[in-house]
Protein backbone atom coordinates (compact mmCIF):
# COMPACT_ATOMS: atom_id res chain seq x y z
CA UNK A 1 -1.58 15.93 -8.03
CA UNK A 2 0.87 12.97 -7.71
CA UNK A 3 0.74 10.11 -10.18
CA UNK A 4 -1.28 7.02 -9.17
CA UNK A 5 -1.19 3.54 -10.60
CA UNK A 6 -3.73 0.78 -10.15
CA UNK A 7 -3.38 -2.83 -11.23
CA UNK A 8 -6.00 -5.53 -10.96
CA UNK A 9 -7.28 -8.81 -12.68
CA UNK A 10 -8.73 -8.01 -16.04
CA UNK A 11 -12.55 -8.11 -15.98
CA UNK A 12 -12.62 -7.39 -12.20
CA UNK A 13 -13.62 -4.26 -10.38
CA UNK A 14 -11.37 -1.17 -10.27
CA UNK A 15 -9.63 -1.25 -6.92
CA UNK A 16 -9.64 1.72 -4.58
CA UNK A 17 -6.01 1.21 -3.46
CA UNK A 18 -3.05 2.24 -5.59
CA UNK A 19 0.29 0.63 -6.29
CA UNK A 20 3.07 2.50 -4.28
CA UNK A 21 5.45 4.51 -6.51
CA UNK A 22 8.85 5.63 -5.39
CA UNK A 23 10.09 9.22 -5.62
CA UNK A 24 11.03 8.78 -9.27
CA UNK A 25 7.65 7.29 -10.16
CA UNK A 26 8.93 3.76 -10.47
CA UNK A 27 7.31 0.62 -9.08
CA UNK A 28 9.74 -1.89 -7.55
CA UNK A 29 7.51 -4.97 -7.79
CA UNK A 30 3.83 -5.80 -7.35
CA UNK A 31 1.95 -9.11 -7.44
CA UNK A 32 -1.29 -9.02 -9.39
CA UNK A 33 -3.55 -12.01 -10.02
CA UNK A 34 -4.67 -12.58 -13.67
CA UNK A 35 -8.28 -12.37 -14.74
CA UNK A 36 -10.24 -15.25 -16.27
CA UNK A 37 -8.56 -14.40 -19.64
CA UNK A 38 -5.09 -14.46 -18.17
CA UNK A 39 -4.74 -10.67 -18.36
CA UNK A 40 -4.35 -7.74 -15.92
CA UNK A 41 -5.69 -4.19 -16.27
CA UNK A 42 -3.61 -1.08 -15.51
CA UNK A 43 -4.70 2.54 -14.93
CA UNK A 44 -2.32 5.47 -14.61
CA UNK A 45 -3.70 8.72 -13.25
CA UNK A 46 -2.28 12.18 -12.71
CA UNK A 47 0.56 11.78 -15.23
CA UNK A 48 1.44 10.87 -18.79
CA UNK A 49 3.89 7.95 -19.13
CA UNK A 50 4.75 4.80 -20.93
CA UNK A 51 4.12 1.68 -18.84
CA UNK A 52 6.32 -1.39 -19.16
CA UNK A 53 5.24 -4.65 -17.53
CA UNK A 54 7.55 -7.54 -17.00
CA UNK A 55 6.46 -11.02 -15.86
CA UNK A 56 8.99 -12.17 -13.25
CA UNK A 57 7.34 -15.46 -12.39
CA UNK A 58 4.11 -17.11 -11.49
CA UNK A 59 2.36 -19.06 -8.77
CA UNK A 60 0.67 -22.28 -9.84
CA UNK A 61 -2.84 -22.92 -8.76
CA UNK A 62 -3.28 -25.62 -6.20
CA UNK A 63 -4.35 -29.01 -7.60
CA UNK A 64 -7.58 -30.41 -6.13
CA UNK A 65 -7.65 -34.13 -5.72
């Protein structure tokens, strides 16, 4: 069974789709919204590994006037 990775806003429902992994099991980049607490949830299946998450930037919320 190949490894699978899921990423979603913390507090939300577990998504059915997985994050694509390359042949070495690495993820190039994925954009995940944060939950109401400012966190994300991760789930790795089918393998044992250490996960490292880097924040590369953010998208500011639109200001309502």
